[in-house]
Structure formats: structure tokens, C-alpha cells
N, C-alpha and C. Protein backbone atom coordinates (compact mmCIF):
# COMPACT_ATOMS: atom_id res chain seq x y z
N MET A 1 0.35 -1.21 0.11
CA MET A 1 0.34 -0.17 -0.01
C MET A 1 1.00 0.98 0.21
N SER A 2 0.88 1.98 -1.13
CA SER A 2 1.70 3.36 -0.93
C SER A 2 0.90 4.22 -0.52
N SER A 3 1.87 5.47 -0.04
CA SER A 3 0.79 6.34 0.36
C SER A 3 0.00 7.55 -0.24
N SER A 4 -0.67 7.08 -1.37
CA SER A 4 -1.25 7.34 -2.76
C SER A 4 -2.64 7.21 -2.33
N ASP A 5 -2.43 5.72 -1.70
CA ASP A 5 -3.73 4.89 -1.60
C ASP A 5 -3.82 5.24 -0.20
N ARG A 6 -3.52 6.00 0.32
CA ARG A 6 -4.48 6.85 1.63
C ARG A 6 -5.18 8.22 1.84
N GLN A 7 -5.94 8.34 2.75
CA GLN A 7 -5.95 9.31 2.94
C GLN A 7 -4.90 10.67 3.89
N ARG A 8 -5.11 11.83 3.50
CA ARG A 8 -4.60 12.86 4.37
C ARG A 8 -4.87 13.91 4.75
N VAL A 9 -4.56 13.90 6.05
CA VAL A 9 -4.24 15.21 6.52
C VAL A 9 -4.51 16.40 6.39
N GLU A 10 -5.44 17.29 5.94
CA GLU A 10 -5.21 18.83 5.54
C GLU A 10 -5.29 19.72 6.62
N ARG A 11 -4.54 20.97 6.50
CA ARG A 11 -4.76 21.95 7.90
C ARG A 11 -5.07 23.28 7.09
N VAL A 12 -6.52 23.35 8.01
CA VAL A 12 -7.48 23.72 7.49
C VAL A 12 -6.98 25.61 8.01
N PRO A 13 -6.74 26.53 7.35
CA PRO A 13 -6.59 27.89 7.93
C PRO A 13 -7.81 28.29 8.83
N GLY A 14 -7.08 28.67 10.03
CA GLY A 14 -8.33 29.79 11.16
C GLY A 14 -9.35 28.84 10.77
N ALA A 15 -9.11 26.73 10.85
CA ALA A 15 -10.00 26.35 11.63
C ALA A 15 -9.36 25.63 12.97
N ARG A 16 -9.98 25.16 13.78
CA ARG A 16 -10.16 24.53 14.48
C ARG A 16 -9.18 22.90 14.44
N ARG A 17 -9.93 22.44 13.78
CA ARG A 17 -9.69 20.68 13.50
C ARG A 17 -9.13 20.76 11.64
N ALA A 18 -8.65 19.85 11.96
CA ALA A 18 -7.93 19.36 10.71
C ALA A 18 -9.17 18.80 9.89
N ARG A 19 -9.15 18.27 8.30
CA ARG A 19 -10.11 17.47 7.27
C ARG A 19 -9.16 16.25 7.00
N LEU A 20 -9.81 15.47 6.66
CA LEU A 20 -9.41 13.67 6.02
C LEU A 20 -9.78 14.30 4.45
N THR A 21 -9.02 13.87 3.50
CA THR A 21 -9.17 13.59 2.39
C THR A 21 -10.53 12.69 1.93
N PRO A 22 -10.79 12.92 1.21
CA PRO A 22 -11.67 11.38 0.60
C PRO A 22 -10.92 10.29 0.69
N ALA A 23 -11.31 9.34 1.47
CA ALA A 23 -10.71 7.85 1.27
C ALA A 23 -10.73 7.78 -0.59
N PRO A 24 -9.50 6.85 -1.01
CA PRO A 24 -9.71 5.94 -2.32
C PRO A 24 -10.90 5.52 -2.87
N GLY A 25 -11.55 5.40 -3.91
CA GLY A 25 -12.50 4.85 -4.60
C GLY A 25 -13.79 5.77 -4.08
N THR A 26 -14.17 6.44 -3.06
CA THR A 26 -15.19 7.01 -2.78
C THR A 26 -15.59 8.09 -3.29
N SER A 27 -17.02 9.34 -3.02
CA SER A 27 -16.63 10.32 -4.16
C SER A 27 -17.28 11.36 -1.92
N PRO A 28 -16.58 12.25 -2.38
CA PRO A 28 -16.75 13.52 -1.12
C PRO A 28 -17.65 14.05 -1.10
N GLU A 29 -18.97 14.06 -1.90
CA GLU A 29 -20.47 14.21 -1.85
C GLU A 29 -21.09 13.29 -0.97
N PRO A 30 -22.42 13.83 0.08
CA PRO A 30 -23.27 12.85 1.25
C PRO A 30 -23.97 12.41 0.07
N VAL A 31 -24.24 11.13 0.10
CA VAL A 31 -25.32 10.64 -0.50
C VAL A 31 -26.96 10.76 0.03
N PRO A 32 -27.28 10.77 -0.62
CA PRO A 32 -28.88 11.56 -0.37
C PRO A 32 -29.25 10.51 0.88
N ALA A 33 -29.48 9.11 0.41
CA ALA A 33 -29.84 8.52 2.03
C ALA A 33 -29.55 9.06 2.97
N ASP A 34 -28.36 9.25 3.34
CA ASP A 34 -27.61 9.79 4.59
C ASP A 34 -28.35 10.35 5.71
N ASP A 35 -28.94 10.96 4.65
CA ASP A 35 -29.41 12.72 4.90
C ASP A 35 -30.71 12.29 5.57
N VAL A 36 -30.98 11.02 5.49
CA VAL A 36 -32.62 10.92 6.61
C VAL A 36 -32.99 11.24 8.11
N GLN A 37 -33.57 11.87 8.48
CA GLN A 37 -33.67 12.96 9.80
C GLN A 37 -34.76 11.83 10.33
N ASP A 38 -35.50 11.66 10.32
CA ASP A 38 -36.67 11.34 10.83
C ASP A 38 -36.92 9.86 10.65
N ALA A 39 -36.02 9.19 11.05
CA ALA A 39 -35.64 7.37 11.35
C ALA A 39 -36.88 6.69 12.49
N ALA A 40 -36.37 7.57 13.65
CA ALA A 40 -37.22 6.99 14.85
C ALA A 40 -38.60 7.74 14.76
N PRO A 41 -39.08 7.00 14.95
CA PRO A 41 -40.99 7.77 15.60
C PRO A 41 -40.96 8.35 16.47
N VAL A 42 -41.46 9.32 16.65
CA VAL A 42 -41.74 10.34 18.07
C VAL A 42 -43.10 10.64 18.41
N ALA A 43 -43.32 10.60 19.67
CA ALA A 43 -44.50 10.45 20.00
C ALA A 43 -44.99 11.56 19.89
N PRO A 44 -46.49 11.43 19.73
CA PRO A 44 -47.02 13.23 20.06
C PRO A 44 -46.60 13.83 21.62
N ALA A 45 -46.25 14.85 21.61
CA ALA A 45 -46.81 15.52 23.01
C ALA A 45 -48.22 14.93 23.83
N GLY A 46 -48.08 15.00 25.20
CA GLY A 46 -49.61 14.52 25.77
C GLY A 46 -49.68 13.63 26.21
N GLU A 47 -49.08 12.15 24.93
CA GLU A 47 -48.89 10.95 25.47
C GLU A 47 -47.67 10.65 26.05
N SER A 48 -48.48 9.51 27.22
CA SER A 48 -46.51 9.16 28.23
C SER A 48 -47.07 7.37 27.85
N GLY A 49 -45.45 6.75 27.70
CA GLY A 49 -45.28 5.33 28.10
C GLY A 49 -45.44 4.62 29.60
N PRO A 50 -45.53 3.81 29.83
CA PRO A 50 -45.80 2.80 31.03
C PRO A 50 -44.50 3.40 32.19
N ASN A 51 -43.64 3.88 31.13
CA ASN A 51 -42.15 4.10 32.03
C ASN A 51 -41.91 5.57 32.43
N ASP A 52 -42.59 6.55 31.78
CA ASP A 52 -42.52 8.29 31.74
C ASP A 52 -42.32 8.72 33.36
N ALA A 53 -43.33 8.02 33.87
CA ALA A 53 -42.96 9.10 35.71
C ALA A 53 -41.82 8.28 36.14
N ARG A 54 -40.88 7.47 36.40
CA ARG A 54 -40.13 6.89 36.51
C ARG A 54 -38.75 7.27 36.20
N LEU A 55 -38.79 7.49 34.57
CA LEU A 55 -37.34 8.09 33.95
C LEU A 55 -37.36 9.98 34.50
N ARG A 56 -38.64 10.32 34.62
CA ARG A 56 -38.74 11.80 35.11
C ARG A 56 -37.91 11.84 37.12
N GLN A 57 -38.08 10.85 37.22
CA GLN A 57 -37.68 10.98 38.46
C GLN A 57 -36.50 10.90 39.06
N ASP A 58 -36.35 9.59 38.21
CA ASP A 58 -34.68 9.09 38.24
C ASP A 58 -33.70 10.60 38.42
N VAL A 59 -32.62 9.80 39.25
CA VAL A 59 -31.28 11.42 38.98
C VAL A 59 -29.84 10.16 38.98
N PRO A 60 -29.13 10.63 38.11
CA PRO A 60 -28.34 9.88 37.55
C PRO A 60 -26.98 10.41 38.31
N PRO A 61 -26.73 8.95 38.67
CA PRO A 61 -25.50 8.71 40.21
C PRO A 61 -24.39 9.56 40.26
N HIS A 62 -24.25 10.83 39.14
CA HIS A 62 -23.28 11.57 39.47
C HIS A 62 -23.68 13.16 40.28
N TYR A 63 -25.02 13.09 40.23
CA TYR A 63 -25.73 14.30 40.93
C TYR A 63 -25.47 14.60 42.13
């Protein structure tokens, strides 16, 4: 595997983080199927499940 077959780290002026170049054999554009936001159904407000009261009373152990 030569160094041209790998991703490289590019510095971005004015940014706190570096950026990776696209991996060989891929395109840098996102696939539209990756942009699906509503994969999990959300219950309407006002409806509660069987464990909602207990979850609201629970306190994390670090408090």
C-alpha cells in the first residue's frame, strides 16, 4: 500500500480541526440516503408511556 492509496490530513487555515481527504474509491459528496432525519418515530406531546413517570424521577448517580 503506497502513501497515495491513503487518506491525508489537510490543515484548514482558521479552523480548529484538520480535514481528511476523501478515501480512495469514494466520492466526497454525501449520499442523499444518509440525510434521512426522521428514522425514529416520535410520540406526540401529551401521550406518555408506561415508564415515563419513573424516568422523570430518576437522578443520574453523579448528582
